[in-house]
């Protein structure tokens, strides 16, 4: 009887060790997904179809989906109509699942003459593995200030109507 009890204790210990290893793996591993896409996109103002213009968004990097943390994208996102997106470094975009259904801040940074420069493009939402995304772009309201408003970039889209569908699906006002 003591021998059976000892074997059960040993088996229980091995099961607990295996669970601890699997849990640690789940906490640490980031489940990376390589992204190298060129999206047709539409830049537009809400409620103003005449403002729609077709642009291209090039995305190259890695989307990480940790089990117990927010997903984030690390890499480059170059948007045709924003010159600094090709010159500055994109800071990691963390998609906060507890803020507005997965909000992520799109911010670029560089250093010029020993001074850091930050350029905030706007707020972003994505679907799945960046298969679709919607950006509420900040608009200038003076020399040094910007405000989020009606300017959007939605991808993949070729028309204002397609862009509006993506906006509706990803951004819940």
N, C-alpha and C. Protein backbone atom coordinates (compact mmCIF):
# COMPACT_ATOMS: atom_id res chain seq x y z
N UNK A 1 0.82 -1.19 0.00
CA UNK A 1 0.00 0.00 0.00
C UNK A 1 0.87 1.26 0.00
N UNK A 2 1.95 1.22 0.79
CA UNK A 2 2.85 2.36 0.87
C UNK A 2 3.51 2.61 -0.48
N UNK A 3 3.81 1.52 -1.22
CA UNK A 3 4.43 1.63 -2.53
C UNK A 3 3.49 2.33 -3.53
N UNK A 4 2.19 1.99 -3.49
CA UNK A 4 1.20 2.61 -4.37
C UNK A 4 1.05 4.09 -4.03
N UNK A 5 1.02 4.39 -2.73
CA UNK A 5 0.88 5.77 -2.28
C UNK A 5 2.10 6.59 -2.72
N UNK A 6 3.27 6.02 -2.65
CA UNK A 6 4.50 6.70 -3.09
C UNK A 6 4.47 6.97 -4.58
N UNK A 7 3.99 6.00 -5.38
CA UNK A 7 3.90 6.19 -6.83
C UNK A 7 2.88 7.27 -7.18
N UNK A 8 1.75 7.32 -6.45
CA UNK A 8 0.75 8.37 -6.68
C UNK A 8 1.32 9.75 -6.36
N UNK A 9 2.07 9.85 -5.28
CA UNK A 9 2.70 11.12 -4.91
C UNK A 9 3.70 11.55 -5.98
N UNK A 10 4.50 10.60 -6.45
CA UNK A 10 5.47 10.90 -7.50
C UNK A 10 4.77 11.36 -8.77
N UNK A 11 3.70 10.64 -9.16
CA UNK A 11 2.94 11.02 -10.35
C UNK A 11 2.33 12.41 -10.20
N UNK A 12 1.80 12.69 -9.02
CA UNK A 12 1.20 14.00 -8.75
C UNK A 12 2.24 15.11 -8.85
N UNK A 13 3.42 14.84 -8.34
CA UNK A 13 4.50 15.83 -8.40
C UNK A 13 4.87 16.10 -9.86
N UNK A 14 4.98 15.04 -10.68
CA UNK A 14 5.31 15.21 -12.10
C UNK A 14 4.22 15.97 -12.85
N UNK A 15 2.98 15.71 -12.53
CA UNK A 15 1.86 16.44 -13.16
C UNK A 15 1.93 17.92 -12.79
N UNK A 16 2.20 18.21 -11.52
CA UNK A 16 2.30 19.60 -11.08
C UNK A 16 3.48 20.32 -11.74
N UNK A 17 4.59 19.61 -11.88
CA UNK A 17 5.76 20.19 -12.56
C UNK A 17 5.42 20.48 -14.02
N UNK A 18 4.75 19.54 -14.68
CA UNK A 18 4.36 19.74 -16.07
C UNK A 18 3.42 20.93 -16.22
N UNK A 19 2.45 21.05 -15.32
CA UNK A 19 1.54 22.20 -15.35
C UNK A 19 2.28 23.51 -15.13
N UNK A 20 3.25 23.51 -14.23
CA UNK A 20 4.03 24.72 -13.97
C UNK A 20 4.84 25.11 -15.20
N UNK A 21 5.43 24.13 -15.88
CA UNK A 21 6.21 24.40 -17.09
C UNK A 21 5.32 24.95 -18.20
N UNK A 22 4.16 24.32 -18.41
CA UNK A 22 3.22 24.78 -19.44
C UNK A 22 2.73 26.19 -19.11
N UNK A 23 2.42 26.45 -17.86
CA UNK A 23 1.96 27.79 -17.45
C UNK A 23 3.05 28.83 -17.67
N UNK A 24 4.27 28.51 -17.30
CA UNK A 24 5.38 29.44 -17.48
C UNK A 24 5.60 29.72 -18.97
N UNK A 25 5.51 28.67 -19.78
CA UNK A 25 5.65 28.84 -21.23
C UNK A 25 4.57 29.78 -21.75
N UNK A 26 3.33 29.56 -21.33
CA UNK A 26 2.22 30.40 -21.76
C UNK A 26 2.38 31.85 -21.34
N UNK A 27 2.98 32.08 -20.17
CA UNK A 27 3.18 33.45 -19.68
C UNK A 27 4.32 34.16 -20.41
N UNK A 28 5.34 33.43 -20.79
CA UNK A 28 6.54 34.03 -21.36
C UNK A 28 6.51 34.07 -22.89
N UNK A 29 6.03 33.03 -23.52
CA UNK A 29 6.07 32.96 -24.99
C UNK A 29 5.10 33.96 -25.59
N UNK A 30 5.51 34.62 -26.68
CA UNK A 30 4.74 35.72 -27.25
C UNK A 30 3.93 35.35 -28.48
N UNK A 31 4.01 34.12 -28.96
CA UNK A 31 3.29 33.67 -30.15
C UNK A 31 3.43 34.68 -31.29
N UNK A 32 4.64 34.82 -31.84
CA UNK A 32 4.88 35.83 -32.88
C UNK A 32 4.26 35.45 -34.22
N UNK A 33 3.80 36.47 -34.94
CA UNK A 33 3.26 36.31 -36.29
C UNK A 33 3.96 37.35 -37.16
N UNK A 34 4.76 36.88 -38.13
CA UNK A 34 5.45 37.81 -39.02
C UNK A 34 4.43 38.46 -39.95
N UNK A 35 4.56 39.77 -40.13
CA UNK A 35 3.67 40.55 -41.00
C UNK A 35 4.54 41.26 -42.03
N UNK A 36 4.24 41.05 -43.29
CA UNK A 36 4.91 41.76 -44.39
C UNK A 36 3.85 41.97 -45.46
N UNK A 37 3.12 43.08 -45.33
CA UNK A 37 1.96 43.33 -46.19
C UNK A 37 2.01 44.73 -46.78
N UNK A 38 1.42 44.85 -47.94
CA UNK A 38 1.17 46.14 -48.55
C UNK A 38 -0.33 46.23 -48.77
N UNK A 39 -0.98 47.16 -48.09
CA UNK A 39 -2.43 47.26 -48.11
C UNK A 39 -2.90 48.41 -48.98
N UNK A 40 -3.93 48.19 -49.79
CA UNK A 40 -4.61 49.35 -50.36
C UNK A 40 -5.43 49.96 -49.22
N UNK A 41 -5.41 51.27 -49.12
CA UNK A 41 -6.11 51.92 -48.01
C UNK A 41 -6.82 53.17 -48.52
N UNK A 42 -7.72 53.65 -47.70
CA UNK A 42 -8.43 54.89 -48.02
C UNK A 42 -8.27 55.84 -46.84
N UNK A 43 -7.85 57.06 -47.16
CA UNK A 43 -7.77 58.14 -46.18
C UNK A 43 -8.97 59.04 -46.46
N UNK A 44 -9.74 59.35 -45.41
CA UNK A 44 -11.01 60.07 -45.64
C UNK A 44 -11.47 60.75 -44.36
N UNK A 45 -12.44 61.63 -44.52
CA UNK A 45 -13.11 62.24 -43.37
C UNK A 45 -14.50 61.64 -43.26
N UNK A 46 -14.89 61.37 -42.03
CA UNK A 46 -16.20 60.77 -41.78
C UNK A 46 -17.31 61.66 -42.35
N UNK A 47 -18.25 61.02 -43.04
CA UNK A 47 -19.40 61.74 -43.58
C UNK A 47 -19.09 62.61 -44.78
N UNK A 48 -17.88 62.49 -45.34
CA UNK A 48 -17.49 63.31 -46.49
C UNK A 48 -16.85 62.44 -47.57
N UNK A 49 -17.65 61.71 -48.33
CA UNK A 49 -17.12 60.81 -49.35
C UNK A 49 -16.17 61.48 -50.35
N UNK A 50 -16.37 62.76 -50.61
CA UNK A 50 -15.54 63.47 -51.59
C UNK A 50 -14.09 63.61 -51.10
N UNK A 51 -13.84 63.43 -49.80
CA UNK A 51 -12.48 63.57 -49.27
C UNK A 51 -11.66 62.28 -49.41
N UNK A 52 -12.29 61.20 -49.82
CA UNK A 52 -11.61 59.90 -49.89
C UNK A 52 -10.49 59.92 -50.92
N UNK A 53 -9.32 59.44 -50.49
CA UNK A 53 -8.21 59.27 -51.42
C UNK A 53 -7.56 57.92 -51.17
N UNK A 54 -7.22 57.25 -52.27
CA UNK A 54 -6.57 55.96 -52.17
C UNK A 54 -5.10 56.16 -51.85
N UNK A 55 -4.63 55.39 -50.87
CA UNK A 55 -3.23 55.43 -50.48
C UNK A 55 -2.76 54.00 -50.28
N UNK A 56 -1.49 53.85 -49.95
CA UNK A 56 -0.92 52.53 -49.67
C UNK A 56 -0.29 52.55 -48.29
N UNK A 57 -0.48 51.46 -47.55
CA UNK A 57 0.14 51.30 -46.24
C UNK A 57 1.01 50.04 -46.31
N UNK A 58 2.30 50.21 -46.03
CA UNK A 58 3.23 49.09 -46.03
C UNK A 58 3.55 48.74 -44.58
N UNK A 59 3.36 47.49 -44.23
CA UNK A 59 3.58 47.04 -42.86
C UNK A 59 4.54 45.86 -42.87
N UNK A 60 5.61 45.99 -42.08
CA UNK A 60 6.59 44.90 -41.97
C UNK A 60 7.05 44.83 -40.52
N UNK A 61 6.88 43.67 -39.93
CA UNK A 61 7.29 43.50 -38.55
C UNK A 61 6.71 42.24 -37.96
N UNK A 62 6.53 42.25 -36.66
CA UNK A 62 6.03 41.07 -35.96
C UNK A 62 4.89 41.47 -35.04
N UNK A 63 3.80 40.74 -35.14
CA UNK A 63 2.68 40.90 -34.23
C UNK A 63 2.81 39.83 -33.17
N UNK A 64 2.86 40.26 -31.91
CA UNK A 64 2.98 39.33 -30.79
C UNK A 64 1.64 39.23 -30.08
N UNK A 65 1.26 38.00 -29.73
CA UNK A 65 0.00 37.76 -29.02
C UNK A 65 0.25 36.93 -27.77
N UNK A 66 0.84 37.55 -26.74
CA UNK A 66 1.06 36.81 -25.49
C UNK A 66 -0.28 36.37 -24.89
N UNK A 67 -0.28 35.23 -24.20
CA UNK A 67 -1.54 34.69 -23.66
C UNK A 67 -2.18 35.59 -22.62
N UNK A 68 -1.41 36.10 -21.69
CA UNK A 68 -1.99 36.82 -20.56
C UNK A 68 -1.66 38.31 -20.58
N UNK A 69 -1.30 38.83 -21.75
CA UNK A 69 -0.99 40.24 -21.89
C UNK A 69 -1.58 40.76 -23.19
N UNK A 70 -1.54 42.06 -23.38
CA UNK A 70 -2.10 42.67 -24.58
C UNK A 70 -1.22 42.38 -25.80
N UNK A 71 -1.83 42.16 -26.97
CA UNK A 71 -1.03 41.97 -28.19
C UNK A 71 -0.34 43.29 -28.57
N UNK A 72 0.80 43.15 -29.28
CA UNK A 72 1.48 44.35 -29.73
C UNK A 72 2.20 44.08 -31.05
N UNK A 73 2.38 45.16 -31.82
CA UNK A 73 3.08 45.09 -33.10
C UNK A 73 4.39 45.83 -32.97
N UNK A 74 5.45 45.20 -33.46
CA UNK A 74 6.78 45.80 -33.46
C UNK A 74 7.32 45.75 -34.89
N UNK A 75 7.64 46.89 -35.45
CA UNK A 75 8.14 46.90 -36.82
C UNK A 75 7.99 48.25 -37.47
N UNK A 76 7.62 48.24 -38.75
CA UNK A 76 7.45 49.48 -39.52
C UNK A 76 6.04 49.52 -40.10
N UNK A 77 5.49 50.72 -40.16
CA UNK A 77 4.22 50.96 -40.83
C UNK A 77 4.39 52.28 -41.58
N UNK A 78 4.50 52.18 -42.90
CA UNK A 78 4.73 53.36 -43.73
C UNK A 78 3.44 53.70 -44.46
N UNK A 79 2.97 54.92 -44.25
CA UNK A 79 1.72 55.38 -44.85
C UNK A 79 2.06 56.49 -45.83
N UNK A 80 1.65 56.28 -47.11
CA UNK A 80 1.99 57.19 -48.20
C UNK A 80 1.90 58.67 -47.85
N UNK A 81 0.80 59.09 -47.31
CA UNK A 81 0.55 60.52 -47.15
C UNK A 81 1.17 61.13 -45.89
N UNK A 82 1.93 60.33 -45.14
CA UNK A 82 2.60 60.83 -43.93
C UNK A 82 4.09 60.56 -44.07
N UNK A 83 4.84 61.57 -44.50
CA UNK A 83 6.26 61.41 -44.82
C UNK A 83 7.07 60.89 -43.63
N UNK A 84 6.78 61.35 -42.42
CA UNK A 84 7.57 60.94 -41.26
C UNK A 84 7.46 59.45 -40.98
N UNK A 85 6.41 58.77 -41.48
CA UNK A 85 6.27 57.34 -41.22
C UNK A 85 7.37 56.53 -41.90
N UNK A 86 8.00 57.09 -42.94
CA UNK A 86 9.09 56.38 -43.60
C UNK A 86 10.46 56.77 -43.04
N UNK A 87 10.52 57.90 -42.31
CA UNK A 87 11.79 58.38 -41.78
C UNK A 87 11.99 58.09 -40.30
N UNK A 88 10.92 58.12 -39.53
CA UNK A 88 11.01 57.92 -38.08
C UNK A 88 10.80 56.45 -37.75
N UNK A 89 11.14 56.08 -36.53
CA UNK A 89 10.93 54.71 -36.04
C UNK A 89 9.55 54.61 -35.41
N UNK A 90 8.85 53.54 -35.75
CA UNK A 90 7.54 53.29 -35.14
C UNK A 90 7.76 52.66 -33.77
N UNK A 91 7.17 53.26 -32.76
CA UNK A 91 7.22 52.66 -31.42
C UNK A 91 6.25 51.48 -31.41
N UNK A 92 6.52 50.49 -30.57
CA UNK A 92 5.62 49.33 -30.50
C UNK A 92 4.19 49.79 -30.26
N UNK A 93 3.26 49.22 -31.04
CA UNK A 93 1.84 49.54 -30.88
C UNK A 93 1.24 48.46 -29.98
N UNK A 94 0.85 48.84 -28.77
CA UNK A 94 0.23 47.92 -27.83
C UNK A 94 -1.28 48.08 -27.96
N UNK A 95 -1.97 46.99 -28.28
CA UNK A 95 -3.42 47.01 -28.44
C UNK A 95 -4.06 46.65 -27.11
N UNK A 96 -4.43 47.66 -26.34
CA UNK A 96 -4.98 47.50 -25.00
C UNK A 96 -6.39 46.94 -25.08
N UNK A 97 -6.56 45.68 -24.72
CA UNK A 97 -7.86 45.02 -24.84
C UNK A 97 -8.91 45.60 -23.91
N UNK A 98 -8.47 46.25 -22.83
CA UNK A 98 -9.42 46.82 -21.87
C UNK A 98 -9.73 48.29 -22.14
N UNK A 99 -9.21 48.85 -23.23
CA UNK A 99 -9.49 50.25 -23.58
C UNK A 99 -10.14 50.28 -24.95
N UNK A 100 -11.37 50.69 -25.03
CA UNK A 100 -12.12 50.87 -26.27
C UNK A 100 -11.96 49.70 -27.24
N UNK A 101 -12.10 48.50 -26.76
CA UNK A 101 -12.11 47.30 -27.60
C UNK A 101 -10.81 47.07 -28.36
N UNK A 102 -9.66 47.39 -27.76
CA UNK A 102 -8.38 47.07 -28.38
C UNK A 102 -7.63 48.25 -28.97
N UNK A 103 -7.74 49.41 -28.37
CA UNK A 103 -7.06 50.63 -28.82
C UNK A 103 -5.54 50.48 -28.77
N UNK A 104 -4.87 51.02 -29.79
CA UNK A 104 -3.41 51.11 -29.80
C UNK A 104 -2.97 52.48 -30.28
N UNK A 105 -1.98 53.08 -29.64
CA UNK A 105 -1.46 54.38 -30.03
C UNK A 105 -0.37 54.20 -31.08
N UNK A 106 -0.48 54.94 -32.18
CA UNK A 106 0.51 54.87 -33.26
C UNK A 106 1.41 56.10 -33.14
N UNK A 107 2.63 55.87 -32.64
CA UNK A 107 3.55 56.96 -32.37
C UNK A 107 4.91 56.65 -33.00
N UNK A 108 5.48 57.65 -33.66
CA UNK A 108 6.79 57.53 -34.29
C UNK A 108 7.78 58.39 -33.51
N UNK A 109 9.05 57.97 -33.52
CA UNK A 109 10.07 58.72 -32.80
C UNK A 109 11.37 58.73 -33.58
N UNK A 110 12.14 59.81 -33.33
CA UNK A 110 13.47 59.94 -33.90
C UNK A 110 14.26 60.90 -33.00
N UNK A 111 15.52 61.06 -33.32
CA UNK A 111 16.37 62.01 -32.60
C UNK A 111 17.02 62.91 -33.64
N UNK A 112 16.86 64.22 -33.46
CA UNK A 112 17.50 65.20 -34.34
C UNK A 112 18.25 66.20 -33.48
N UNK A 113 19.51 66.42 -33.80
CA UNK A 113 20.36 67.34 -33.05
C UNK A 113 20.36 67.03 -31.56
N UNK A 114 20.36 65.75 -31.22
CA UNK A 114 20.41 65.33 -29.84
C UNK A 114 19.10 65.48 -29.08
N UNK A 115 18.02 65.82 -29.77
CA UNK A 115 16.72 66.00 -29.12
C UNK A 115 15.73 64.96 -29.65
N UNK A 116 15.01 64.33 -28.74
CA UNK A 116 14.00 63.36 -29.18
C UNK A 116 12.79 64.07 -29.79
N UNK A 117 12.26 63.47 -30.85
CA UNK A 117 11.06 64.00 -31.50
C UNK A 117 10.04 62.87 -31.55
N UNK A 118 8.83 63.15 -31.05
CA UNK A 118 7.72 62.20 -31.12
C UNK A 118 6.65 62.76 -32.04
N UNK A 119 6.15 61.91 -32.90
CA UNK A 119 5.08 62.30 -33.82
C UNK A 119 3.97 61.28 -33.66
N UNK A 120 2.85 61.73 -33.13
CA UNK A 120 1.72 60.83 -32.89
C UNK A 120 0.79 60.86 -34.10
N UNK A 121 0.63 59.70 -34.74
CA UNK A 121 -0.25 59.60 -35.91
C UNK A 121 -1.70 59.52 -35.48
N UNK A 122 -1.99 58.72 -34.45
CA UNK A 122 -3.37 58.62 -33.98
C UNK A 122 -3.63 57.33 -33.23
N UNK A 123 -4.90 56.95 -33.20
CA UNK A 123 -5.36 55.75 -32.49
C UNK A 123 -5.70 54.67 -33.51
N UNK A 124 -5.38 53.42 -33.19
CA UNK A 124 -5.55 52.34 -34.15
C UNK A 124 -6.27 51.15 -33.53
N UNK A 125 -7.09 50.49 -34.34
CA UNK A 125 -7.74 49.23 -33.97
C UNK A 125 -7.45 48.24 -35.08
N UNK A 126 -7.31 46.97 -34.73
CA UNK A 126 -7.03 45.95 -35.75
C UNK A 126 -7.98 44.77 -35.58
N UNK A 127 -8.03 43.97 -36.63
CA UNK A 127 -8.81 42.73 -36.61
C UNK A 127 -7.85 41.58 -36.89
N UNK A 128 -7.97 40.53 -36.08
CA UNK A 128 -7.16 39.32 -36.25
C UNK A 128 -5.68 39.65 -36.29
N UNK A 129 -4.96 39.15 -37.27
CA UNK A 129 -3.51 39.37 -37.36
C UNK A 129 -3.20 40.52 -38.31
N UNK A 130 -3.75 41.69 -37.99
CA UNK A 130 -3.62 42.88 -38.83
C UNK A 130 -4.21 42.66 -40.23
N UNK A 131 -5.21 41.81 -40.32
CA UNK A 131 -5.87 41.60 -41.61
C UNK A 131 -6.66 42.84 -42.02
N UNK A 132 -7.18 43.55 -41.03
CA UNK A 132 -7.85 44.83 -41.24
C UNK A 132 -7.40 45.76 -40.13
N UNK A 133 -7.37 47.06 -40.43
CA UNK A 133 -7.12 48.03 -39.37
C UNK A 133 -7.76 49.36 -39.70
N UNK A 134 -7.96 50.14 -38.66
CA UNK A 134 -8.59 51.44 -38.77
C UNK A 134 -7.81 52.40 -37.89
N UNK A 135 -7.44 53.55 -38.44
CA UNK A 135 -6.70 54.55 -37.70
C UNK A 135 -7.52 55.84 -37.68
N UNK A 136 -7.70 56.38 -36.48
CA UNK A 136 -8.24 57.73 -36.36
C UNK A 136 -7.03 58.64 -36.27
N UNK A 137 -6.76 59.35 -37.36
CA UNK A 137 -5.54 60.15 -37.45
C UNK A 137 -5.75 61.52 -36.80
N UNK A 138 -4.71 61.97 -36.10
CA UNK A 138 -4.77 63.30 -35.50
C UNK A 138 -4.58 64.35 -36.59
N UNK A 139 -5.31 65.44 -36.45
CA UNK A 139 -5.23 66.54 -37.41
C UNK A 139 -4.63 67.75 -36.71
N UNK A 140 -3.81 68.53 -37.44
CA UNK A 140 -3.22 69.73 -36.84
C UNK A 140 -4.29 70.78 -36.51
N UNK A 141 -4.15 71.43 -35.35
CA UNK A 141 -5.04 72.53 -35.00
C UNK A 141 -4.20 73.74 -34.59
N UNK A 142 -3.07 73.86 -35.16
CA UNK A 142 -2.13 74.92 -34.84
C UNK A 142 -0.75 74.43 -35.15
N UNK A 143 0.23 75.20 -34.75
CA UNK A 143 1.60 74.83 -35.07
C UNK A 143 2.09 73.62 -34.30
N UNK A 144 1.70 73.49 -33.04
CA UNK A 144 2.22 72.43 -32.19
C UNK A 144 1.18 71.46 -31.66
N UNK A 145 -0.08 71.63 -32.02
CA UNK A 145 -1.12 70.80 -31.42
C UNK A 145 -1.89 70.02 -32.48
N UNK A 146 -2.39 68.88 -32.04
CA UNK A 146 -3.20 68.03 -32.91
C UNK A 146 -4.41 67.54 -32.13
N UNK A 147 -5.43 67.14 -32.86
CA UNK A 147 -6.62 66.62 -32.21
C UNK A 147 -7.18 65.48 -33.05
N UNK A 148 -7.70 64.46 -32.38
CA UNK A 148 -8.38 63.37 -33.08
C UNK A 148 -9.76 63.84 -33.50
N UNK A 149 -10.13 63.51 -34.71
CA UNK A 149 -11.42 63.99 -35.20
C UNK A 149 -12.02 63.02 -36.19
N UNK A 150 -12.30 63.54 -37.36
CA UNK A 150 -13.00 62.77 -38.38
C UNK A 150 -12.08 62.14 -39.42
N UNK A 151 -10.78 62.41 -39.35
CA UNK A 151 -9.85 61.88 -40.35
C UNK A 151 -9.54 60.42 -40.03
N UNK A 152 -9.70 59.55 -41.03
CA UNK A 152 -9.49 58.11 -40.84
C UNK A 152 -8.59 57.56 -41.95
N UNK A 153 -7.94 56.45 -41.61
CA UNK A 153 -7.23 55.61 -42.59
C UNK A 153 -7.71 54.20 -42.32
N UNK A 154 -8.34 53.58 -43.32
CA UNK A 154 -8.87 52.22 -43.17
C UNK A 154 -8.28 51.32 -44.24
N UNK A 155 -7.93 50.09 -43.84
CA UNK A 155 -7.31 49.16 -44.79
C UNK A 155 -7.69 47.72 -44.42
N UNK A 156 -7.74 46.84 -45.38
CA UNK A 156 -7.62 47.09 -46.80
C UNK A 156 -8.95 47.62 -47.37
N UNK A 157 -8.84 48.67 -48.14
CA UNK A 157 -10.02 49.27 -48.76
C UNK A 157 -9.59 50.01 -50.02
N UNK A 158 -10.50 50.06 -50.98
CA UNK A 158 -10.24 50.78 -52.21
C UNK A 158 -11.25 51.90 -52.44
N UNK A 159 -12.34 51.86 -51.68
CA UNK A 159 -13.38 52.87 -51.83
C UNK A 159 -13.79 53.41 -50.47
N UNK A 160 -14.46 54.55 -50.51
CA UNK A 160 -14.98 55.15 -49.27
C UNK A 160 -15.94 54.19 -48.58
N UNK A 161 -16.78 53.52 -49.36
CA UNK A 161 -17.77 52.60 -48.78
C UNK A 161 -17.09 51.43 -48.06
N UNK A 162 -16.06 50.84 -48.68
CA UNK A 162 -15.31 49.75 -48.04
C UNK A 162 -14.64 50.25 -46.76
N UNK A 163 -14.09 51.46 -46.82
CA UNK A 163 -13.43 52.03 -45.65
C UNK A 163 -14.43 52.25 -44.52
N UNK A 164 -15.62 52.70 -44.85
CA UNK A 164 -16.65 52.94 -43.83
C UNK A 164 -17.08 51.63 -43.16
N UNK A 165 -17.12 50.55 -43.92
CA UNK A 165 -17.47 49.24 -43.33
C UNK A 165 -16.40 48.83 -42.32
N UNK A 166 -15.13 49.00 -42.70
CA UNK A 166 -14.04 48.66 -41.77
C UNK A 166 -14.11 49.54 -40.53
N UNK A 167 -14.32 50.84 -40.74
CA UNK A 167 -14.43 51.76 -39.60
C UNK A 167 -15.56 51.32 -38.67
N UNK A 168 -16.70 50.98 -39.24
CA UNK A 168 -17.85 50.55 -38.43
C UNK A 168 -17.55 49.27 -37.66
N UNK A 169 -16.87 48.32 -38.32
CA UNK A 169 -16.57 47.03 -37.67
C UNK A 169 -15.54 47.16 -36.56
N UNK A 170 -14.56 48.04 -36.72
CA UNK A 170 -13.44 48.09 -35.78
C UNK A 170 -13.53 49.20 -34.74
N UNK A 171 -14.17 50.28 -35.08
CA UNK A 171 -14.25 51.40 -34.14
C UNK A 171 -15.70 51.58 -33.71
N UNK A 172 -15.96 51.31 -32.46
CA UNK A 172 -17.31 51.41 -31.94
C UNK A 172 -17.45 52.72 -31.18
N UNK A 173 -18.07 53.70 -31.84
CA UNK A 173 -18.23 55.03 -31.22
C UNK A 173 -19.33 55.01 -30.19
